[in-house]
């Protein structure tokens, strides 16, 4: 008796502990005053595998705490949720129209390797950037501003080499206009096609700069024809895409290109409010051995001042110093202005959003909250689109669209698959192929799929190891096929699942009530003769009297003589009951039916 009392005393809650919505195993051990090893053991008993520095959510931490005799409360974050929740709405909230001013367009230069992107920027800026770069290939994204005829334009130089495909997509994310550089002698190349598809996926208008027109073998007309094959129709061919012939080496056509950019920018009516706290994107970031974390920021709205507290992704900090593209210190940066900033406490991720906040304490709180939320989100698998679950994903919203990236062994296969898949589109569901090309599945494909919520279809082609790893980390589905009809069938099935289900009533058979028997246990039993078809136990039944439906329900029991049976065919007698109805009369007709999905 005494031992039982002691046992009960041990298991009785002795202390209240407040646990945040996410924390590491080590942090939980410290909070509970036990070793992390004990926490890991307790988690294992609940089927949860976690290492010392893994983050667990509140529900997992609560299990361990209760095992150890604690009562548990959810700890509310120090910063009120209202401070963090409106980050996005605040950035997108409409400004007072009287405060809006015209801002410079942000232009991304895209194209195939060695087609002269950096040389083109070199000609625009009148500097020799390309001469300082290894192998003549851009090593990072740089952001620069140029002014011509009183108009300022911000340029982002996105590398075109395959090793920097992720940087190229990041450039398209923050841009207003994409300048597609195509060499007049080479024409449209694989990375040109990728650049086109990245720009289209980002809904960014394209201006084509046909470079190297000074070369003897230059053929601008062939370039325009090739672009037409990939959905880029220049004005000369009746489209709305501007095409400018330039020579970066000789400097010809540069003014025409800048004029085209300003023309498109005017049509876009780009405006921003400089009189609000700054927000924008991280273009690139690195850890400098002498200066610490350094980030290139592009201000999209508001004005960034020296001394501002800010948070960039999960990196809090304060603007200690700002430099423009020429290395000169500046005190402030308005809309569309790129600046290099010192003062962040850690290196943010390229592509992160940044915003100015009230003070450094707020910045740290928001950054910490973001970190915990990210780690908690990463605990379950990433929820991305998959063929098997596509209907559930799309039926949650109004849009019904299947976005695909197609990679195949040869060009002929690409075109055949594209034609077949696009032919599956219906008024209810659209198949949109945002990129289709021969070759293996690459990092660039996975990155585009991640940004566009797309599925990658690989036909008779390999998946690069790095792309496979990235896809697994990001939760992107890559479907490989060897037989084309299996590919089409798989997509067709996904599309069928995306339709609003349409059901059709299929009549299985009829039975006529010829006698009614009373049962003290189940009420009245209908003695029937099956006149046509086959009637089955569990089927839905309409009770028709004088041709009118008086009831419906499921057939709960079906017997022949004293034996329970699953079905009875035409020409046989049976006895049955219907759930929720037993007021049978002789002459009633029982219509057995089921609902069959036809689409």
Protein backbone atom coordinates (compact mmCIF):
# COMPACT_ATOMS: atom_id res chain seq x y z
CA UNK A 1 0.00 0.00 0.00
CA UNK A 2 2.82 2.33 0.92
CA UNK A 3 4.73 1.59 -2.26
CA UNK A 4 1.62 2.36 -4.34
CA UNK A 5 1.21 5.71 -2.62
CA UNK A 6 4.87 6.55 -3.27
CA UNK A 7 4.50 5.64 -6.95
CA UNK A 8 1.49 7.87 -7.31
CA UNK A 9 3.33 10.72 -5.67
CA UNK A 10 6.19 10.41 -8.16
CA UNK A 11 3.93 10.58 -11.19
CA UNK A 12 1.97 13.53 -9.86
CA UNK A 13 2.74 16.84 -11.66
CA UNK A 14 5.03 18.87 -9.47
CA UNK A 15 5.92 21.83 -11.66
CA UNK A 16 4.55 23.92 -14.52
CA UNK A 17 6.80 24.52 -17.51
CA UNK A 18 6.24 26.93 -20.39
CA UNK A 19 7.42 25.51 -23.73
CA UNK A 20 7.65 27.48 -27.01
CA UNK A 21 6.07 26.17 -30.22
CA UNK A 22 9.47 24.92 -31.43
CA UNK A 23 12.81 24.27 -29.74
CA UNK A 24 15.83 21.98 -29.97
CA UNK A 25 16.25 18.75 -28.01
CA UNK A 26 19.09 20.37 -26.03
CA UNK A 27 16.96 23.43 -25.23
CA UNK A 28 14.16 21.16 -23.98
CA UNK A 29 16.60 19.27 -21.76
CA UNK A 30 17.86 22.54 -20.26
CA UNK A 31 14.27 23.72 -19.74
CA UNK A 32 13.26 20.51 -17.95
CA UNK A 33 16.52 20.15 -16.00
CA UNK A 34 17.37 16.74 -17.48
CA UNK A 35 20.09 15.57 -19.85
CA UNK A 36 19.41 15.68 -23.61
CA UNK A 37 20.02 11.92 -23.68
CA UNK A 38 17.00 11.45 -21.40
CA UNK A 39 14.92 13.64 -23.74
CA UNK A 40 16.03 11.59 -26.77
CA UNK A 41 15.09 8.34 -24.97
CA UNK A 42 11.66 9.68 -24.05
CA UNK A 43 11.06 10.82 -27.64
CA UNK A 44 12.03 7.37 -28.92
CA UNK A 45 9.39 5.74 -26.71
CA UNK A 46 6.84 7.85 -28.60
CA UNK A 47 8.27 6.89 -32.00
CA UNK A 48 10.03 10.22 -32.56
CA UNK A 49 13.66 10.12 -33.67
CA UNK A 50 15.59 13.32 -32.98
CA UNK A 51 19.22 14.25 -32.45
CA UNK A 52 20.70 16.76 -30.00
CA UNK A 53 20.37 19.83 -32.23
CA UNK A 54 17.18 18.82 -34.06
CA UNK A 55 14.17 21.07 -33.61
CA UNK A 56 10.97 19.50 -32.29
CA UNK A 57 7.51 21.05 -32.15
CA UNK A 58 5.39 21.78 -29.07
CA UNK A 59 3.36 18.55 -29.24
CA UNK A 60 6.52 16.38 -29.13
CA UNK A 61 8.04 18.45 -26.33
CA UNK A 62 4.78 18.22 -24.38
CA UNK A 63 4.91 14.40 -24.47
CA UNK A 64 8.39 14.38 -22.89
CA UNK A 65 7.51 16.99 -20.28
CA UNK A 66 4.37 15.11 -19.20
CA UNK A 67 6.36 11.87 -19.00
CA UNK A 68 8.65 13.61 -16.54
CA UNK A 69 5.78 14.86 -14.38
CA UNK A 70 5.42 18.43 -15.60
CA UNK A 71 2.26 20.31 -16.44
CA UNK A 72 2.77 22.10 -19.74
CA UNK A 73 1.72 25.48 -21.09
CA UNK A 74 2.42 26.92 -24.53
CA UNK A 75 4.77 29.87 -24.24
CA UNK A 76 3.61 32.85 -26.23
CA UNK A 77 6.43 34.62 -28.13
CA UNK A 78 7.74 37.79 -26.59
CA UNK A 79 6.87 39.76 -29.69
CA UNK A 80 3.16 40.02 -30.25
CA UNK A 81 2.01 38.09 -33.35
CA UNK A 82 0.60 41.30 -34.76
CA UNK A 83 4.17 42.61 -35.16
CA UNK A 84 5.25 39.75 -37.42
CA UNK A 85 2.03 38.80 -39.18
CA UNK A 86 1.67 41.97 -41.24
CA UNK A 87 5.18 41.86 -42.74
CA UNK A 88 3.93 40.87 -46.18
CA UNK A 89 0.67 42.87 -46.08
CA UNK A 90 2.63 45.89 -44.88
CA UNK A 91 4.98 45.65 -47.84
CA UNK A 92 2.09 45.21 -50.25
CA UNK A 93 -0.34 47.64 -48.62
CA UNK A 94 -1.47 50.36 -51.01
CA UNK A 95 0.31 53.67 -50.58
CA UNK A 96 -1.26 57.08 -50.58
CA UNK A 97 -1.31 57.92 -54.33
CA UNK A 98 -0.02 61.40 -53.55
CA UNK A 99 3.15 59.83 -52.09
CA UNK A 100 3.95 57.69 -55.13
CA UNK A 101 6.77 58.72 -57.45
CA UNK A 102 8.20 57.13 -60.56
CA UNK A 103 10.97 54.66 -59.80
CA UNK A 104 13.72 53.33 -62.07
CA UNK A 105 13.06 49.97 -63.73
CA UNK A 106 15.05 46.98 -62.47
CA UNK A 107 16.43 45.17 -65.49
CA UNK A 108 17.86 41.66 -65.49
CA UNK A 109 20.22 40.61 -68.26
CA UNK A 110 19.68 36.97 -69.23
CA UNK A 111 21.12 34.74 -71.92
CA UNK A 112 23.41 31.90 -72.95
CA UNK A 113 27.00 31.70 -71.74
CA UNK A 114 29.47 33.84 -73.72
CA UNK A 115 26.73 35.62 -75.66
CA UNK A 116 28.01 38.92 -74.31
CA UNK A 117 25.84 39.85 -71.33
CA UNK A 118 28.64 41.33 -69.24
CA UNK A 119 30.22 42.97 -72.28
CA UNK A 120 26.85 44.58 -72.99
CA UNK A 121 26.69 45.97 -69.44
CA UNK A 122 30.32 46.98 -69.89
CA UNK A 123 29.35 49.02 -72.95
CA UNK A 124 26.44 50.58 -71.08
CA UNK A 125 28.51 51.49 -68.02
CA UNK A 126 31.60 52.47 -70.00
CA UNK A 127 33.78 50.31 -67.74
CA UNK A 128 35.79 47.15 -68.27
CA UNK A 129 34.03 44.75 -65.95
CA UNK A 130 34.43 41.71 -68.19
CA UNK A 131 38.20 42.06 -68.30
CA UNK A 132 38.44 41.46 -64.55
CA UNK A 133 36.34 38.29 -64.48
CA UNK A 134 37.76 34.77 -64.52
CA UNK A 135 37.45 33.23 -67.95
CA UNK A 136 35.24 36.06 -69.15
CA UNK A 137 32.29 34.50 -67.30
CA UNK A 138 30.44 36.46 -64.59
CA UNK A 139 31.14 35.04 -61.13
CA UNK A 140 28.27 36.64 -59.21
CA UNK A 141 25.23 38.86 -59.58
CA UNK A 142 26.20 42.52 -59.56
CA UNK A 143 23.68 45.37 -59.47
CA UNK A 144 24.42 48.69 -61.11
CA UNK A 145 22.66 51.92 -62.01
CA UNK A 146 23.17 53.95 -65.15
CA UNK A 147 21.61 57.25 -66.19
CA UNK A 148 20.95 58.20 -69.79
CA UNK A 149 18.95 61.24 -70.95
CA UNK A 150 17.90 61.92 -67.36
CA UNK A 151 16.43 58.41 -66.89
CA UNK A 152 17.96 56.01 -64.37
CA UNK A 153 17.95 52.25 -64.97
CA UNK A 154 19.01 49.56 -62.48
CA UNK A 155 20.73 46.56 -64.05
CA UNK A 156 21.26 43.13 -62.52
CA UNK A 157 23.87 41.05 -64.29
CA UNK A 158 22.68 37.44 -63.96
CA UNK A 159 25.31 34.82 -64.84
CA UNK A 160 24.42 32.57 -67.72
CA UNK A 161 26.86 29.72 -67.10
CA UNK A 162 25.19 26.43 -66.08
CA UNK A 163 26.96 26.48 -62.70
CA UNK A 164 25.07 29.65 -61.77
CA UNK A 165 21.52 28.75 -62.84
CA UNK A 166 20.18 29.36 -59.35
CA UNK A 167 21.52 32.93 -59.47
CA UNK A 168 19.83 33.51 -62.79
CA UNK A 169 16.39 32.61 -61.40
CA UNK A 170 16.98 34.83 -58.40
CA UNK A 171 17.63 37.75 -60.73
CA UNK A 172 14.32 37.15 -62.49
CA UNK A 173 12.54 37.19 -59.12
CA UNK A 174 13.26 40.83 -58.40
CA UNK A 175 13.21 42.25 -61.89
CA UNK A 176 10.74 44.40 -63.81
CA UNK A 177 12.14 43.84 -67.32
CA UNK A 178 14.29 41.04 -68.72
CA UNK A 179 16.83 41.80 -71.45
CA UNK A 180 17.48 38.58 -73.34
CA UNK A 181 20.91 38.67 -74.95
CA UNK A 182 21.25 36.42 -78.00
CA UNK A 183 24.41 36.31 -80.12
CA UNK A 184 23.62 37.00 -83.78
CA UNK A 185 26.13 34.36 -84.90
CA UNK A 186 25.15 31.56 -82.44
CA UNK A 187 21.40 32.07 -82.31
CA UNK A 188 19.08 30.57 -79.71
CA UNK A 189 20.91 28.11 -77.44
CA UNK A 190 19.73 25.83 -74.56
CA UNK A 191 20.35 28.43 -71.87
CA UNK A 192 18.56 31.01 -74.00
CA UNK A 193 15.47 28.80 -73.88
CA UNK A 194 15.85 28.40 -70.11
CA UNK A 195 16.13 32.17 -69.73
CA UNK A 196 12.97 32.68 -71.79
CA UNK A 197 11.05 30.22 -69.63
CA UNK A 198 12.32 31.74 -66.38
CA UNK A 199 11.23 35.20 -67.52
CA UNK A 200 7.82 33.92 -68.65
CA UNK A 201 7.31 32.05 -65.37
CA UNK A 202 7.96 35.32 -63.52
CA UNK A 203 5.56 37.23 -65.84
CA UNK A 204 8.35 39.61 -66.79
CA UNK A 205 8.29 41.46 -70.14
CA UNK A 206 11.22 40.58 -72.43
CA UNK A 207 13.35 42.85 -74.60
CA UNK A 208 15.63 41.00 -77.01
CA UNK A 209 19.16 42.35 -77.49
CA UNK A 210 20.65 40.69 -80.56
CA UNK A 211 24.37 41.07 -79.84
CA UNK A 212 27.48 40.69 -82.03
CA UNK A 213 25.76 42.06 -85.15
CA UNK A 214 29.16 43.38 -86.24
CA UNK A 215 30.45 39.85 -86.96
CA UNK A 216 30.51 38.67 -90.60
CA UNK A 217 28.49 35.53 -89.80
CA UNK A 218 25.79 37.49 -87.89
CA UNK A 219 22.22 36.64 -88.91
CA UNK A 220 19.68 38.63 -86.85
CA UNK A 221 16.74 37.40 -88.96
CA UNK A 222 17.56 33.78 -88.10
CA UNK A 223 17.58 34.71 -84.40
CA UNK A 224 14.13 36.29 -84.68
CA UNK A 225 12.83 33.19 -86.44
CA UNK A 226 14.25 30.91 -83.74
CA UNK A 227 12.72 33.06 -81.00
CA UNK A 228 9.35 32.71 -82.74
CA UNK A 229 9.61 28.93 -82.29
CA UNK A 230 9.85 29.47 -78.53
CA UNK A 231 6.93 31.85 -78.15
CA UNK A 232 8.86 35.14 -78.33
CA UNK A 233 7.31 37.12 -81.20
CA UNK A 234 9.15 40.33 -82.05
CA UNK A 235 7.35 43.43 -83.29
CA UNK A 236 8.68 42.91 -86.81
CA UNK A 237 6.70 39.65 -86.95
CA UNK A 238 3.51 41.15 -85.51
CA UNK A 239 4.27 40.52 -81.82
CA UNK A 240 4.77 42.87 -78.90
CA UNK A 241 8.39 42.02 -78.00
CA UNK A 242 10.96 44.71 -78.77
CA UNK A 243 14.14 43.49 -80.48
CA UNK A 244 17.24 45.70 -80.68
CA UNK A 245 20.38 44.92 -82.68
CA UNK A 246 23.52 45.83 -80.75
CA UNK A 247 27.26 45.36 -80.75
CA UNK A 248 28.73 45.43 -77.26
CA UNK A 249 32.27 45.58 -78.71
CA UNK A 250 31.66 48.53 -81.05
CA UNK A 251 29.09 50.20 -78.79
CA UNK A 252 26.44 50.41 -81.51
CA UNK A 253 22.73 50.12 -80.69
CA UNK A 254 23.26 50.80 -76.96
CA UNK A 255 21.19 53.99 -76.99
CA UNK A 256 18.40 52.17 -78.87
CA UNK A 257 18.40 49.45 -76.19
CA UNK A 258 18.18 51.98 -73.35
CA UNK A 259 15.39 53.77 -75.18
CA UNK A 260 13.51 50.47 -75.53
CA UNK A 261 13.92 49.80 -71.80
CA UNK A 262 12.58 53.24 -70.91
CA UNK A 263 9.66 52.75 -73.29
CA UNK A 264 8.64 49.46 -71.68
CA UNK A 265 9.16 50.97 -68.20
CA UNK A 266 6.77 53.81 -69.07
CA UNK A 267 4.12 51.28 -70.09
CA UNK A 268 4.59 49.41 -66.80
CA UNK A 269 4.06 52.66 -64.82
CA UNK A 270 6.53 51.66 -62.11
CA UNK A 271 6.00 53.67 -58.93
CA UNK A 272 7.03 53.53 -55.29
CA UNK A 273 6.69 55.53 -52.09
CA UNK A 274 10.09 56.81 -50.91
CA UNK A 275 8.59 58.17 -47.68
CA UNK A 276 8.15 54.87 -45.85
CA UNK A 277 10.47 52.32 -44.20
CA UNK A 278 12.44 50.42 -46.81
CA UNK A 279 11.69 46.91 -48.01
CA UNK A 280 13.20 44.87 -50.81
CA UNK A 281 15.36 41.85 -51.63
CA UNK A 282 18.79 40.47 -50.89
CA UNK A 283 20.58 40.19 -54.25
CA UNK A 284 23.70 38.52 -52.91
CA UNK A 285 25.41 38.06 -49.55
CA UNK A 286 28.76 36.85 -48.29
CA UNK A 287 30.96 36.73 -45.21
CA UNK A 288 33.87 39.13 -45.69
CA UNK A 289 36.90 38.24 -43.56
CA UNK A 290 37.53 41.85 -42.65
CA UNK A 291 34.06 43.42 -42.74
CA UNK A 292 31.85 40.55 -41.53
CA UNK A 293 28.49 39.77 -43.20
CA UNK A 294 28.03 41.93 -46.29
CA UNK A 295 24.81 41.92 -48.33
CA UNK A 296 23.80 43.58 -51.58
CA UNK A 297 20.26 44.85 -51.10
CA UNK A 298 17.84 46.12 -53.73
CA UNK A 299 15.30 48.56 -52.33
CA UNK A 300 11.89 47.96 -53.91
CA UNK A 301 9.88 50.44 -51.85
CA UNK A 302 10.64 53.12 -49.26
CA UNK A 303 14.06 54.55 -48.46
CA UNK A 304 16.86 52.77 -46.59
CA UNK A 305 18.95 55.02 -44.32
CA UNK A 306 22.24 54.51 -42.60
CA UNK A 307 21.44 53.57 -38.98
CA UNK A 308 18.16 51.79 -39.83
CA UNK A 309 17.43 48.55 -37.98
CA UNK A 310 16.37 45.80 -40.38
CA UNK A 311 15.73 42.11 -40.72
CA UNK A 312 16.68 40.21 -43.90
CA UNK A 313 15.21 36.73 -43.85
CA UNK A 314 16.51 35.34 -40.55
CA UNK A 315 19.36 37.86 -40.30
CA UNK A 316 18.78 40.84 -37.99
CA UNK A 317 21.04 43.88 -37.92
CA UNK A 318 21.56 47.60 -38.29
CA UNK A 319 22.88 49.49 -41.30
CA UNK A 320 26.37 50.48 -40.14
CA UNK A 321 27.53 51.53 -43.60
CA UNK A 322 26.19 51.57 -47.17
CA UNK A 323 28.11 51.59 -50.46
CA UNK A 324 26.96 52.04 -54.04
CA UNK A 325 28.23 49.99 -57.00
CA UNK A 326 31.31 52.21 -57.26
CA UNK A 327 32.34 51.59 -53.64
CA UNK A 328 31.32 55.08 -52.53
CA UNK A 329 29.61 55.47 -49.13
CA UNK A 330 26.00 56.66 -49.29
CA UNK A 331 23.67 57.80 -46.52
CA UNK A 332 20.41 56.59 -48.04
CA UNK A 333 19.02 54.45 -50.86
CA UNK A 334 15.63 55.03 -52.45
CA UNK A 335 13.42 52.74 -54.58
CA UNK A 336 15.26 50.55 -57.13
CA UNK A 337 18.63 51.52 -55.67
CA UNK A 338 21.11 48.67 -55.11
CA UNK A 339 23.50 49.09 -52.16
CA UNK A 340 26.03 46.97 -50.32
CA UNK A 341 25.22 46.96 -46.61
CA UNK A 342 27.37 46.20 -43.55
CA UNK A 343 25.94 45.55 -40.10
CA UNK A 344 23.90 42.32 -40.35
CA UNK A 345 24.57 39.81 -37.56
CA UNK A 346 24.69 36.87 -39.97
CA UNK A 347 24.74 36.21 -43.72
CA UNK A 348 21.20 36.16 -45.15
CA UNK A 349 20.11 33.95 -48.03
CA UNK A 350 20.17 35.40 -51.52
CA UNK A 351 16.60 36.17 -52.54
CA UNK A 352 15.43 36.85 -48.94
CA UNK A 353 13.13 39.78 -48.40
CA UNK A 354 14.32 42.53 -46.09
CA UNK A 355 12.43 45.25 -44.27
CA UNK A 356 13.24 48.06 -41.89
CA UNK A 357 11.85 47.68 -38.35
CA UNK A 358 11.60 49.87 -35.26
CA UNK A 359 14.83 48.81 -33.54
CA UNK A 360 17.46 46.07 -33.31
CA UNK A 361 15.58 44.26 -30.53
CA UNK A 362 12.52 43.95 -32.76
CA UNK A 363 14.70 42.76 -35.64
CA UNK A 364 16.21 40.00 -33.46
CA UNK A 365 12.80 38.92 -32.19
CA UNK A 366 11.38 38.68 -35.69
CA UNK A 367 14.45 36.83 -36.97
CA UNK A 368 14.26 34.35 -34.08
CA UNK A 369 10.55 33.81 -34.61
CA UNK A 370 11.16 33.19 -38.31
CA UNK A 371 13.90 30.69 -37.51
CA UNK A 372 11.71 28.74 -35.12
CA UNK A 373 8.78 28.75 -37.55
CA UNK A 374 11.01 27.53 -40.38
CA UNK A 375 12.47 24.73 -38.28
CA UNK A 376 9.01 23.69 -37.13
CA UNK A 377 7.78 23.68 -40.75
CA UNK A 378 10.73 21.56 -41.82
CA UNK A 379 9.80 18.79 -39.40
CA UNK A 380 7.09 17.32 -41.66
CA UNK A 381 7.75 16.65 -45.31
CA UNK A 382 7.48 19.59 -47.69
CA UNK A 383 3.99 19.92 -49.12
CA UNK A 384 4.48 20.42 -52.81
CA UNK A 385 2.42 19.42 -55.79
CA UNK A 386 2.49 15.74 -56.77
CA UNK A 387 0.55 13.89 -59.45
CA UNK A 388 -1.06 11.63 -56.84
CA UNK A 389 -2.32 14.50 -54.69
CA UNK A 390 -2.86 17.11 -57.37
CA UNK A 391 -6.65 17.16 -57.05
CA UNK A 392 -6.46 17.94 -53.32
CA UNK A 393 -3.94 20.74 -53.97
CA UNK A 394 -5.93 22.45 -56.70
CA UNK A 395 -9.46 21.88 -55.40
CA UNK A 396 -8.50 23.96 -52.36
CA UNK A 397 -8.52 27.05 -54.59
CA UNK A 398 -10.29 28.32 -57.67
CA UNK A 399 -7.39 27.84 -60.10
CA UNK A 400 -7.26 24.55 -61.95
CA UNK A 401 -3.91 24.23 -63.66
CA UNK A 402 -1.29 21.52 -63.96
CA UNK A 403 2.15 23.12 -64.34
CA UNK A 404 4.79 20.85 -65.88
CA UNK A 405 8.47 20.91 -66.83
CA UNK A 406 9.36 18.35 -69.50
CA UNK A 407 12.86 16.99 -70.09
CA UNK A 408 13.46 14.24 -72.64
CA UNK A 409 16.21 12.40 -74.49
CA UNK A 410 15.88 14.12 -77.88
CA UNK A 411 14.15 17.14 -79.37
CA UNK A 412 11.64 14.96 -81.23
CA UNK A 413 10.47 13.39 -77.97
CA UNK A 414 10.11 16.83 -76.37
CA UNK A 415 7.81 18.06 -79.14
CA UNK A 416 5.75 14.86 -79.19
CA UNK A 417 5.24 14.95 -75.41
CA UNK A 418 4.48 18.67 -75.40
CA UNK A 419 1.83 18.23 -78.10
CA UNK A 420 0.25 15.22 -76.38
CA UNK A 421 0.17 16.82 -72.92
CA UNK A 422 -1.16 20.17 -74.09
CA UNK A 423 -3.86 18.23 -75.95
CA UNK A 424 -5.12 16.96 -72.58
CA UNK A 425 -6.21 20.47 -71.57
CA UNK A 426 -9.93 21.00 -71.14
CA UNK A 427 -12.11 24.02 -70.33
CA UNK A 428 -11.99 22.87 -66.68
CA UNK A 429 -8.30 22.00 -66.39
CA UNK A 430 -5.36 23.52 -68.23
CA UNK A 431 -1.99 21.87 -68.79
CA UNK A 432 0.73 24.52 -68.81
CA UNK A 433 4.25 23.50 -69.79
CA UNK A 434 6.59 26.24 -68.60
CA UNK A 435 9.80 24.60 -69.84
CA UNK A 436 10.48 21.77 -72.28
CA UNK A 437 13.91 20.81 -73.59
CA UNK A 438 16.13 17.83 -74.37
CA UNK A 439 18.78 16.86 -71.82
CA UNK A 440 19.01 15.69 -68.20
CA UNK A 441 17.03 17.12 -65.29
CA UNK A 442 19.24 19.83 -63.75
CA UNK A 443 19.31 22.07 -60.68
CA UNK A 444 17.83 24.81 -62.82
CA UNK A 445 14.78 22.67 -63.62
CA UNK A 446 14.21 21.86 -59.93
CA UNK A 447 14.59 25.49 -58.95
CA UNK A 448 12.05 26.58 -61.58
CA UNK A 449 9.66 23.84 -60.43
CA UNK A 450 10.00 25.01 -56.84
CA UNK A 451 9.20 28.61 -57.78
CA UNK A 452 6.29 27.65 -60.03
CA UNK A 453 4.79 24.71 -58.07
CA UNK A 454 5.48 22.48 -61.05
CA UNK A 455 6.03 18.75 -61.54
CA UNK A 456 9.04 17.60 -63.56
CA UNK A 457 8.47 14.94 -66.22
CA UNK A 458 11.65 13.09 -67.29
CA UNK A 459 11.32 10.90 -70.40
CA UNK A 460 14.20 8.56 -71.26
CA UNK A 461 16.68 10.95 -69.68
CA UNK A 462 18.76 10.95 -66.52
CA UNK A 463 18.42 13.08 -63.41
CA UNK A 464 21.62 14.79 -62.30
CA UNK A 465 22.58 13.77 -58.73
CA UNK A 466 22.58 17.35 -57.49
CA UNK A 467 19.14 17.92 -59.02
CA UNK A 468 17.80 14.76 -57.40
CA UNK A 469 19.14 15.82 -54.00
CA UNK A 470 17.74 19.33 -54.35
CA UNK A 471 14.35 17.95 -55.41
CA UNK A 472 14.21 15.68 -52.37
CA UNK A 473 15.10 18.56 -50.06
CA UNK A 474 12.54 20.88 -51.65
CA UNK A 475 9.80 18.25 -51.98
CA UNK A 476 9.65 18.57 -55.78
CA UNK A 477 8.25 15.56 -57.61
CA UNK A 478 10.24 14.20 -60.55
CA UNK A 479 8.43 11.48 -62.52
CA UNK A 480 10.55 9.32 -64.83
CA UNK A 481 9.03 7.41 -67.75
CA UNK A 482 10.36 5.09 -70.45
CA UNK A 483 7.14 4.53 -72.40
CA UNK A 484 5.27 7.53 -73.74
CA UNK A 485 1.75 6.16 -73.31
CA UNK A 486 2.45 5.51 -69.62
CA UNK A 487 3.51 9.14 -69.28
CA UNK A 488 0.31 10.37 -70.97
CA UNK A 489 -1.84 8.01 -68.87
CA UNK A 490 -0.27 9.25 -65.62
CA UNK A 491 -0.97 12.88 -66.46
CA UNK A 492 -4.45 12.00 -67.73
CA UNK A 493 -5.24 10.34 -64.40
CA UNK A 494 -4.02 13.40 -62.52
CA UNK A 495 -6.22 15.61 -64.67
CA UNK A 496 -9.20 13.35 -64.10
CA UNK A 497 -8.69 13.72 -60.38
CA UNK A 498 -8.67 17.47 -60.85
CA UNK A 499 -12.18 17.61 -62.33
CA UNK A 500 -15.09 18.42 -60.09
CA UNK A 501 -16.42 14.86 -59.65
CA UNK A 502 -19.43 14.12 -61.86
CA UNK A 503 -21.53 11.12 -60.88
CA UNK A 504 -24.14 9.25 -62.85
CA UNK A 505 -26.91 7.08 -61.40
CA UNK A 506 -26.66 3.51 -62.69
CA UNK A 507 -29.71 1.27 -62.13
CA UNK A 508 -28.67 -2.27 -61.18
CA UNK A 509 -32.08 -3.92 -61.13
CA UNK A 510 -35.68 -3.92 -59.92
CA UNK A 511 -37.60 -6.08 -57.49
CA UNK A 512 -41.38 -6.21 -56.94
CA UNK A 513 -42.79 -6.61 -53.40
CA UNK A 514 -45.18 -9.60 -53.50
CA UNK A 515 -45.56 -10.23 -49.76
CA UNK A 516 -44.88 -8.47 -46.47
CA UNK A 517 -43.73 -10.36 -43.37
CA UNK A 518 -43.59 -9.06 -39.83
CA UNK A 519 -40.54 -9.59 -37.64
CA UNK A 520 -40.33 -8.63 -33.98
CA UNK A 521 -36.62 -8.08 -34.39
CA UNK A 522 -36.30 -6.00 -37.59
CA UNK A 523 -39.82 -4.80 -38.32
CA UNK A 524 -41.43 -5.60 -41.69
CA UNK A 525 -39.61 -7.71 -44.28
CA UNK A 526 -40.37 -7.40 -47.98
CA UNK A 527 -40.79 -10.67 -49.86
CA UNK A 528 -39.70 -9.78 -53.42
CA UNK A 529 -39.33 -11.12 -56.92
CA UNK A 530 -36.37 -9.72 -58.92
CA UNK A 531 -37.83 -8.63 -62.25
CA UNK A 532 -34.61 -7.48 -63.98
CA UNK A 533 -30.89 -6.97 -63.39
CA UNK A 534 -29.13 -7.92 -60.20
CA UNK A 535 -29.87 -6.57 -56.74
CA UNK A 536 -27.11 -6.44 -54.09
CA UNK A 537 -26.91 -6.09 -50.34
CA UNK A 538 -25.55 -2.65 -49.41
CA UNK A 539 -26.90 -0.97 -52.57
CA UNK A 540 -29.04 2.14 -52.50
CA UNK A 541 -32.75 1.48 -53.06
CA UNK A 542 -35.63 3.69 -54.16
CA UNK A 543 -39.07 2.61 -53.04
CA UNK A 544 -41.57 3.39 -55.83
CA UNK A 545 -45.33 3.26 -55.20
CA UNK A 546 -47.63 3.93 -58.13
CA UNK A 547 -44.58 5.22 -60.04
CA UNK A 548 -43.62 7.81 -57.40
CA UNK A 549 -40.66 7.62 -55.01
CA UNK A 550 -41.80 7.47 -51.40
CA UNK A 551 -38.50 6.56 -49.69
CA UNK A 552 -34.92 5.60 -50.21
CA UNK A 553 -32.27 3.86 -48.17
CA UNK A 554 -29.67 1.11 -48.21
CA UNK A 555 -30.48 -2.58 -48.49
CA UNK A 556 -29.36 -3.77 -45.06
CA UNK A 557 -30.19 -7.47 -45.36
CA UNK A 558 -30.80 -9.80 -48.31
CA UNK A 559 -31.86 -13.45 -47.96
CA UNK A 560 -32.87 -16.39 -50.09
CA UNK A 561 -34.92 -18.72 -47.97
CA UNK A 562 -32.97 -18.58 -44.65
CA UNK A 563 -29.52 -17.91 -46.14
CA UNK A 564 -27.86 -14.50 -46.21
CA UNK A 565 -26.72 -13.70 -49.76
CA UNK A 566 -24.74 -10.86 -51.32
CA UNK A 567 -26.84 -10.62 -54.49
CA UNK A 568 -29.90 -12.00 -56.21
CA UNK A 569 -30.36 -12.12 -59.97
CA UNK A 570 -33.46 -11.64 -62.12
CA UNK A 571 -36.02 -14.46 -61.92
CA UNK A 572 -35.41 -15.31 -58.27
CA UNK A 573 -37.29 -14.55 -55.06
CA UNK A 574 -35.77 -13.05 -51.93
CA UNK A 575 -36.48 -11.31 -48.66
CA UNK A 576 -34.92 -7.96 -47.75
CA UNK A 577 -34.95 -4.99 -45.41
CA UNK A 578 -34.15 -1.34 -46.09
CA UNK A 579 -32.53 0.94 -43.51
CA UNK A 580 -34.95 3.56 -42.17
CA UNK A 581 -38.04 2.19 -43.97
CA UNK A 582 -40.34 -0.80 -43.40
CA UNK A 583 -43.79 0.38 -44.51
CA UNK A 584 -43.83 -1.95 -47.48
CA UNK A 585 -46.98 -2.71 -49.45
CA UNK A 586 -47.58 -5.39 -52.02
CA UNK A 587 -46.98 -4.00 -55.48
CA UNK A 588 -44.20 -1.62 -54.41
CA UNK A 589 -41.27 -1.55 -56.85
CA UNK A 590 -37.78 -1.44 -55.37
CA UNK A 591 -35.18 0.13 -57.67
CA UNK A 592 -31.58 -0.78 -56.81
CA UNK A 593 -28.89 1.65 -58.00
CA UNK A 594 -25.40 2.98 -57.39
CA UNK A 595 -23.60 6.25 -58.13
CA UNK A 596 -20.81 5.88 -60.67
CA UNK A 597 -18.20 8.57 -61.28
CA UNK A 598 -18.13 9.34 -64.99
CA UNK A 599 -15.58 12.20 -64.85
